[in-house]
């Protein structure tokens, strides 16, 4: 399996946490596979590499909360949910039909209305943009 985003995700640790990336910032292949073994679905390559790079880091809970791999679930509308905001107003996920796409489009659900809308960006684009937004001071 080729690595598409692993190094780019690892680079977020020194960029935003000002520490060099350490193996403890991510999950090992074995840890991730163990956490995912109960699921009846596979996760996209970009999400897999995100967990390998950042699954043990503080970035998992930087303003929004990325779900731990064992907590991932597909909702009744067929979306694999992976992220929630701190007020639990929104949830982000992928259409389950897109899980084999290496870097699928992200959708956002308004939890009060139950409506999913496209974020018009892939997981990698969304994630890099989200961290840029979270860590940019607006003085």
N, C-alpha and C. Protein backbone atom coordinates (compact mmCIF):
# COMPACT_ATOMS: atom_id res chain seq x y z
N UNK A 1 0.85 -1.18 0.00
CA UNK A 1 0.00 0.00 0.00
C UNK A 1 0.90 1.24 0.00
N UNK A 2 0.70 2.11 -0.96
CA UNK A 2 1.50 3.33 -1.00
C UNK A 2 0.94 4.34 -0.01
N UNK A 3 1.82 5.16 0.52
CA UNK A 3 1.42 6.19 1.48
C UNK A 3 1.18 7.49 0.72
N UNK A 4 -0.04 7.99 0.83
CA UNK A 4 -0.38 9.22 0.12
C UNK A 4 -0.21 10.45 1.00
N UNK A 5 -0.59 10.34 2.27
CA UNK A 5 -0.67 11.51 3.13
C UNK A 5 0.05 11.35 4.47
N UNK A 6 0.62 10.20 4.73
CA UNK A 6 1.18 9.90 6.05
C UNK A 6 2.16 10.97 6.50
N UNK A 7 3.12 11.31 5.66
CA UNK A 7 4.13 12.31 6.06
C UNK A 7 3.52 13.70 6.21
N UNK A 8 2.54 14.03 5.39
CA UNK A 8 1.87 15.33 5.51
C UNK A 8 1.10 15.42 6.82
N UNK A 9 0.43 14.33 7.21
CA UNK A 9 -0.26 14.32 8.50
C UNK A 9 0.73 14.38 9.65
N UNK A 10 1.84 13.65 9.56
CA UNK A 10 2.87 13.70 10.62
C UNK A 10 3.43 15.11 10.76
N UNK A 11 3.54 15.83 9.66
CA UNK A 11 4.10 17.19 9.68
C UNK A 11 3.20 18.17 10.45
N UNK A 12 1.96 17.80 10.72
CA UNK A 12 1.07 18.67 11.48
C UNK A 12 1.50 18.78 12.94
N UNK A 13 2.17 17.77 13.47
CA UNK A 13 2.60 17.81 14.87
C UNK A 13 3.61 18.93 15.09
N UNK A 14 4.73 18.98 14.37
CA UNK A 14 5.63 20.11 14.60
C UNK A 14 5.03 21.46 14.19
N UNK A 15 4.18 21.45 13.17
CA UNK A 15 3.59 22.71 12.72
C UNK A 15 2.69 23.33 13.78
N UNK A 16 1.85 22.53 14.42
CA UNK A 16 0.87 23.07 15.35
C UNK A 16 1.17 22.81 16.82
N UNK A 17 1.91 21.76 17.12
CA UNK A 17 2.22 21.45 18.52
C UNK A 17 3.66 21.80 18.88
N UNK A 18 4.44 22.22 17.89
CA UNK A 18 5.81 22.67 18.07
C UNK A 18 6.71 21.64 18.75
N UNK A 19 6.46 20.38 18.47
CA UNK A 19 7.29 19.27 18.92
C UNK A 19 7.54 18.38 17.71
N UNK A 20 8.67 17.70 17.68
CA UNK A 20 8.87 16.75 16.58
C UNK A 20 7.87 15.61 16.68
N UNK A 21 7.50 15.07 15.52
CA UNK A 21 6.59 13.92 15.52
C UNK A 21 7.29 12.74 16.17
N UNK A 22 6.55 12.02 17.01
CA UNK A 22 7.04 10.81 17.68
C UNK A 22 6.09 9.66 17.32
N UNK A 23 6.58 8.42 17.32
CA UNK A 23 5.68 7.29 17.04
C UNK A 23 4.45 7.25 17.95
N UNK A 24 4.57 7.75 19.18
CA UNK A 24 3.42 7.75 20.10
C UNK A 24 2.34 8.74 19.67
N UNK A 25 2.65 9.65 18.74
CA UNK A 25 1.64 10.58 18.21
C UNK A 25 0.65 9.86 17.31
N UNK A 26 1.06 8.73 16.77
CA UNK A 26 0.19 7.95 15.89
C UNK A 26 -0.11 6.59 16.49
N UNK A 27 -0.89 5.83 15.77
CA UNK A 27 -1.16 4.45 16.14
C UNK A 27 -0.30 3.54 15.28
N UNK A 28 0.09 2.40 15.81
CA UNK A 28 0.80 1.43 14.99
C UNK A 28 -0.20 0.72 14.09
N UNK A 29 0.30 0.09 13.04
CA UNK A 29 -0.58 -0.68 12.15
C UNK A 29 -1.38 -1.70 12.96
N UNK A 30 -0.71 -2.38 13.90
CA UNK A 30 -1.37 -3.40 14.71
C UNK A 30 -2.46 -2.80 15.60
N UNK A 31 -2.15 -1.68 16.25
CA UNK A 31 -3.16 -1.02 17.09
C UNK A 31 -4.38 -0.62 16.27
N UNK A 32 -4.13 -0.05 15.10
CA UNK A 32 -5.23 0.39 14.25
C UNK A 32 -6.05 -0.79 13.75
N UNK A 33 -5.37 -1.83 13.29
CA UNK A 33 -6.09 -3.01 12.80
C UNK A 33 -6.91 -3.66 13.91
N UNK A 34 -6.37 -3.71 15.13
CA UNK A 34 -7.11 -4.26 16.26
C UNK A 34 -8.35 -3.43 16.57
N UNK A 35 -8.21 -2.10 16.50
CA UNK A 35 -9.33 -1.21 16.79
C UNK A 35 -10.42 -1.31 15.74
N UNK A 36 -10.03 -1.63 14.50
CA UNK A 36 -10.99 -1.67 13.39
C UNK A 36 -11.58 -3.06 13.15
N UNK A 37 -11.05 -4.10 13.79
CA UNK A 37 -11.42 -5.46 13.44
C UNK A 37 -12.90 -5.79 13.66
N UNK A 38 -13.57 -5.12 14.54
CA UNK A 38 -14.98 -5.41 14.81
C UNK A 38 -15.92 -4.76 13.79
N UNK A 39 -15.40 -3.83 13.01
CA UNK A 39 -16.24 -3.12 12.04
C UNK A 39 -16.49 -3.96 10.79
N UNK A 40 -17.67 -3.80 10.23
CA UNK A 40 -18.03 -4.49 8.99
C UNK A 40 -17.69 -3.65 7.76
N UNK A 41 -16.89 -2.62 7.94
CA UNK A 41 -16.51 -1.73 6.85
C UNK A 41 -15.00 -1.50 6.90
N UNK A 42 -14.46 -1.04 5.79
CA UNK A 42 -13.07 -0.60 5.75
C UNK A 42 -13.07 0.92 5.71
N UNK A 43 -11.99 1.50 6.18
CA UNK A 43 -11.92 2.96 6.16
C UNK A 43 -11.06 3.40 4.99
N UNK A 44 -11.30 4.60 4.48
CA UNK A 44 -10.51 5.11 3.36
C UNK A 44 -9.03 5.25 3.74
N UNK A 45 -8.17 5.15 2.75
CA UNK A 45 -6.73 5.24 2.96
C UNK A 45 -6.35 6.53 3.69
N UNK A 46 -6.92 7.66 3.31
CA UNK A 46 -6.55 8.93 3.95
C UNK A 46 -6.88 8.92 5.44
N UNK A 47 -8.02 8.36 5.83
CA UNK A 47 -8.37 8.28 7.24
C UNK A 47 -7.44 7.30 7.96
N UNK A 48 -7.12 6.20 7.31
CA UNK A 48 -6.17 5.24 7.89
C UNK A 48 -4.82 5.91 8.17
N UNK A 49 -4.31 6.64 7.20
CA UNK A 49 -3.03 7.31 7.39
C UNK A 49 -3.12 8.42 8.43
N UNK A 50 -4.27 9.06 8.54
CA UNK A 50 -4.48 10.05 9.60
C UNK A 50 -4.30 9.40 10.97
N UNK A 51 -4.95 8.25 11.18
CA UNK A 51 -4.81 7.55 12.46
C UNK A 51 -3.38 7.07 12.70
N UNK A 52 -2.71 6.58 11.66
CA UNK A 52 -1.33 6.12 11.80
C UNK A 52 -0.41 7.28 12.18
N UNK A 53 -0.70 8.47 11.69
CA UNK A 53 0.13 9.64 11.96
C UNK A 53 -0.26 10.36 13.24
N UNK A 54 -1.57 10.46 13.51
CA UNK A 54 -2.04 11.36 14.58
C UNK A 54 -2.98 10.73 15.59
N UNK A 55 -3.25 9.44 15.48
CA UNK A 55 -4.24 8.79 16.34
C UNK A 55 -3.95 8.81 17.83
N UNK A 56 -2.73 9.15 18.24
CA UNK A 56 -2.40 9.25 19.65
C UNK A 56 -2.03 10.66 20.07
N UNK A 57 -2.24 11.63 19.19
CA UNK A 57 -1.79 13.00 19.46
C UNK A 57 -2.92 13.88 20.00
N UNK A 58 -2.51 15.03 20.50
CA UNK A 58 -3.47 16.04 20.99
C UNK A 58 -4.34 16.57 19.85
N UNK A 59 -3.87 16.45 18.63
CA UNK A 59 -4.64 16.96 17.49
C UNK A 59 -5.97 16.22 17.31
N UNK A 60 -6.10 15.05 17.89
CA UNK A 60 -7.36 14.31 17.82
C UNK A 60 -8.49 15.08 18.50
N UNK A 61 -8.12 15.99 19.42
CA UNK A 61 -9.12 16.74 20.17
C UNK A 61 -8.85 18.24 20.12
N UNK A 62 -8.43 18.73 18.97
CA UNK A 62 -8.15 20.15 18.81
C UNK A 62 -9.40 20.84 18.28
N UNK A 63 -10.22 21.36 19.17
CA UNK A 63 -11.46 22.08 18.89
C UNK A 63 -12.57 21.13 18.45
N UNK A 64 -12.32 20.31 17.47
CA UNK A 64 -13.24 19.25 17.06
C UNK A 64 -12.66 17.94 17.56
N UNK A 65 -13.50 16.92 17.66
CA UNK A 65 -13.07 15.65 18.22
C UNK A 65 -13.14 14.54 17.17
N UNK A 66 -11.98 14.07 16.74
CA UNK A 66 -11.94 12.91 15.86
C UNK A 66 -12.26 11.67 16.69
N UNK A 67 -13.12 10.83 16.16
CA UNK A 67 -13.50 9.62 16.87
C UNK A 67 -12.35 8.63 16.83
N UNK A 68 -12.14 7.92 17.93
CA UNK A 68 -11.16 6.84 17.95
C UNK A 68 -11.62 5.76 16.97
N UNK A 69 -10.69 5.02 16.38
CA UNK A 69 -11.08 4.05 15.34
C UNK A 69 -12.13 3.04 15.79
N UNK A 70 -12.07 2.61 17.03
CA UNK A 70 -13.06 1.63 17.50
C UNK A 70 -14.45 2.24 17.66
N UNK A 71 -14.55 3.58 17.71
CA UNK A 71 -15.83 4.27 17.87
C UNK A 71 -16.50 4.62 16.55
N UNK A 72 -15.81 4.43 15.44
CA UNK A 72 -16.39 4.75 14.13
C UNK A 72 -17.67 3.95 13.93
N UNK A 73 -18.66 4.60 13.30
CA UNK A 73 -19.89 3.89 13.00
C UNK A 73 -20.57 4.48 11.79
N UNK A 74 -21.39 3.66 11.15
CA UNK A 74 -22.19 4.09 10.01
C UNK A 74 -23.59 4.38 10.54
N UNK A 75 -24.10 5.57 10.23
CA UNK A 75 -25.44 5.95 10.72
C UNK A 75 -26.53 5.37 9.81
N UNK A 76 -27.77 5.64 10.16
CA UNK A 76 -28.92 5.10 9.43
C UNK A 76 -29.00 5.61 7.99
N UNK A 77 -28.40 6.78 7.72
CA UNK A 77 -28.41 7.33 6.36
C UNK A 77 -27.26 6.78 5.51
N UNK A 78 -26.39 5.96 6.10
CA UNK A 78 -25.29 5.37 5.36
C UNK A 78 -24.02 6.20 5.32
N UNK A 79 -23.75 6.99 6.35
CA UNK A 79 -22.54 7.79 6.43
C UNK A 79 -21.64 7.25 7.55
N UNK A 80 -20.37 7.05 7.23
CA UNK A 80 -19.38 6.67 8.23
C UNK A 80 -18.94 7.94 8.93
N UNK A 81 -19.28 8.05 10.21
CA UNK A 81 -19.02 9.26 10.98
C UNK A 81 -17.64 9.15 11.65
N UNK A 82 -16.86 10.26 11.59
CA UNK A 82 -15.51 10.24 12.14
C UNK A 82 -15.15 11.46 12.97
N UNK A 83 -15.97 12.51 12.99
CA UNK A 83 -15.60 13.76 13.64
C UNK A 83 -16.85 14.46 14.16
N UNK A 84 -16.71 15.14 15.31
CA UNK A 84 -17.82 15.91 15.87
C UNK A 84 -17.26 17.19 16.47
N UNK A 85 -18.04 18.27 16.43
CA UNK A 85 -17.59 19.52 17.05
C UNK A 85 -17.82 19.44 18.55
N UNK A 86 -17.21 20.36 19.29
CA UNK A 86 -17.27 20.27 20.75
C UNK A 86 -18.67 20.52 21.31
N UNK A 87 -19.52 21.20 20.59
CA UNK A 87 -20.90 21.43 21.05
C UNK A 87 -21.86 20.33 20.57
N UNK A 88 -21.34 19.38 19.80
CA UNK A 88 -22.11 18.27 19.23
C UNK A 88 -23.26 18.76 18.34
N UNK A 89 -23.03 19.90 17.67
CA UNK A 89 -24.00 20.43 16.72
C UNK A 89 -23.84 19.81 15.34
N UNK A 90 -22.60 19.44 15.02
CA UNK A 90 -22.29 18.90 13.69
C UNK A 90 -21.47 17.62 13.81
N UNK A 91 -21.69 16.74 12.85
CA UNK A 91 -20.91 15.51 12.71
C UNK A 91 -20.43 15.45 11.27
N UNK A 92 -19.22 14.96 11.06
CA UNK A 92 -18.67 14.83 9.72
C UNK A 92 -18.48 13.35 9.39
N UNK A 93 -18.64 13.03 8.11
CA UNK A 93 -18.50 11.65 7.70
C UNK A 93 -18.34 11.51 6.19
N UNK A 94 -18.29 10.26 5.77
CA UNK A 94 -18.20 9.90 4.35
C UNK A 94 -19.42 9.08 4.00
N UNK A 95 -19.88 9.17 2.76
CA UNK A 95 -20.90 8.24 2.29
C UNK A 95 -20.28 6.85 2.29
N UNK A 96 -21.00 5.87 2.79
CA UNK A 96 -20.44 4.52 2.89
C UNK A 96 -20.10 3.96 1.50
N UNK A 97 -20.76 4.43 0.46
CA UNK A 97 -20.43 4.00 -0.90
C UNK A 97 -19.09 4.53 -1.39
N UNK A 98 -18.51 5.49 -0.66
CA UNK A 98 -17.23 6.09 -1.05
C UNK A 98 -16.05 5.58 -0.23
N UNK A 99 -16.25 4.58 0.62
CA UNK A 99 -15.19 4.16 1.54
C UNK A 99 -13.99 3.54 0.85
N UNK A 100 -14.16 3.07 -0.38
CA UNK A 100 -13.01 2.50 -1.10
C UNK A 100 -12.23 3.57 -1.87
N UNK A 101 -12.76 4.77 -1.92
CA UNK A 101 -12.04 5.90 -2.53
C UNK A 101 -10.92 6.29 -1.56
N UNK A 102 -9.69 6.41 -2.04
CA UNK A 102 -8.58 6.70 -1.12
C UNK A 102 -8.76 7.97 -0.29
N UNK A 103 -9.33 9.02 -0.88
CA UNK A 103 -9.49 10.31 -0.21
C UNK A 103 -10.88 10.87 -0.56
N UNK A 104 -11.91 10.33 0.09
CA UNK A 104 -13.28 10.69 -0.30
C UNK A 104 -13.71 12.08 0.14
N UNK A 105 -14.79 12.53 -0.48
CA UNK A 105 -15.43 13.80 -0.12
C UNK A 105 -16.03 13.68 1.28
N UNK A 106 -15.90 14.75 2.05
CA UNK A 106 -16.43 14.82 3.41
C UNK A 106 -17.81 15.48 3.37
N UNK A 107 -18.70 14.97 4.20
CA UNK A 107 -20.04 15.53 4.37
C UNK A 107 -20.22 15.95 5.82
N UNK A 108 -21.02 17.00 6.03
CA UNK A 108 -21.31 17.50 7.37
C UNK A 108 -22.79 17.34 7.65
N UNK A 109 -23.09 16.85 8.82
CA UNK A 109 -24.48 16.68 9.25
C UNK A 109 -24.81 17.71 10.32
N UNK A 110 -25.89 18.44 10.09
CA UNK A 110 -26.44 19.30 11.13
C UNK A 110 -27.24 18.37 12.04
N UNK A 111 -26.76 18.16 13.25
CA UNK A 111 -27.38 17.17 14.13
C UNK A 111 -28.82 17.53 14.52
N UNK A 112 -29.14 18.81 14.58
CA UNK A 112 -30.50 19.21 14.93
C UNK A 112 -31.48 18.89 13.81
N UNK A 113 -31.04 19.09 12.57
CA UNK A 113 -31.92 18.85 11.43
C UNK A 113 -31.75 17.48 10.81
N UNK A 114 -30.60 16.84 11.06
CA UNK A 114 -30.35 15.52 10.51
C UNK A 114 -30.03 15.52 9.03
N UNK A 115 -29.59 16.65 8.50
CA UNK A 115 -29.31 16.76 7.07
C UNK A 115 -27.81 16.71 6.82
N UNK A 116 -27.41 15.89 5.85
CA UNK A 116 -26.02 15.81 5.42
C UNK A 116 -25.82 16.70 4.19
N UNK A 117 -24.73 17.51 4.18
CA UNK A 117 -24.37 18.33 3.03
C UNK A 117 -22.88 18.16 2.74
N UNK A 118 -22.52 18.24 1.48
CA UNK A 118 -21.13 18.09 1.08
C UNK A 118 -20.30 19.27 1.55
N UNK A 119 -19.09 18.98 2.01
CA UNK A 119 -18.13 20.03 2.35
C UNK A 119 -17.33 20.45 1.11
N UNK A 120 -17.59 19.78 -0.03
CA UNK A 120 -16.93 20.10 -1.29
C UNK A 120 -15.41 19.97 -1.21
N UNK A 121 -14.95 19.04 -0.39
CA UNK A 121 -13.52 18.79 -0.29
C UNK A 121 -13.28 17.38 0.20
N UNK A 122 -12.12 16.86 -0.13
CA UNK A 122 -11.76 15.52 0.31
C UNK A 122 -11.34 15.54 1.77
N UNK A 123 -11.17 14.35 2.33
CA UNK A 123 -10.75 14.25 3.73
C UNK A 123 -9.45 14.99 3.98
N UNK A 124 -8.46 14.79 3.12
CA UNK A 124 -7.17 15.45 3.35
C UNK A 124 -7.32 16.97 3.25
N UNK A 125 -8.02 17.46 2.23
CA UNK A 125 -8.23 18.90 2.10
C UNK A 125 -8.96 19.46 3.31
N UNK A 126 -10.04 18.79 3.69
CA UNK A 126 -10.84 19.22 4.83
C UNK A 126 -10.00 19.27 6.10
N UNK A 127 -9.22 18.21 6.34
CA UNK A 127 -8.44 18.11 7.58
C UNK A 127 -7.36 19.18 7.65
N UNK A 128 -6.61 19.36 6.57
CA UNK A 128 -5.57 20.39 6.58
C UNK A 128 -6.19 21.78 6.75
N UNK A 129 -7.30 22.05 6.07
CA UNK A 129 -7.99 23.34 6.20
C UNK A 129 -8.53 23.54 7.61
N UNK A 130 -9.09 22.48 8.21
CA UNK A 130 -9.65 22.59 9.55
C UNK A 130 -8.56 22.95 10.56
N UNK A 131 -7.42 22.25 10.50
CA UNK A 131 -6.35 22.57 11.45
C UNK A 131 -5.80 23.97 11.22
N UNK A 132 -5.70 24.40 9.97
CA UNK A 132 -5.26 25.77 9.68
C UNK A 132 -6.22 26.77 10.33
N UNK A 133 -7.51 26.52 10.21
CA UNK A 133 -8.52 27.40 10.80
C UNK A 133 -8.43 27.37 12.33
N UNK A 134 -8.30 26.20 12.92
CA UNK A 134 -8.26 26.06 14.38
C UNK A 134 -7.04 26.78 14.97
N UNK A 135 -5.91 26.68 14.31
CA UNK A 135 -4.67 27.20 14.88
C UNK A 135 -4.27 28.59 14.38
N UNK A 136 -5.11 29.20 13.56
CA UNK A 136 -4.80 30.55 13.08
C UNK A 136 -5.44 31.57 14.00
N UNK A 137 -4.61 32.44 14.55
CA UNK A 137 -5.11 33.51 15.41
C UNK A 137 -5.70 34.61 14.53
N UNK A 138 -6.88 35.04 14.91
CA UNK A 138 -7.52 36.16 14.21
C UNK A 138 -7.45 37.37 15.12
N UNK A 139 -6.34 38.07 15.04
CA UNK A 139 -6.16 39.25 15.92
C UNK A 139 -6.77 40.49 15.34
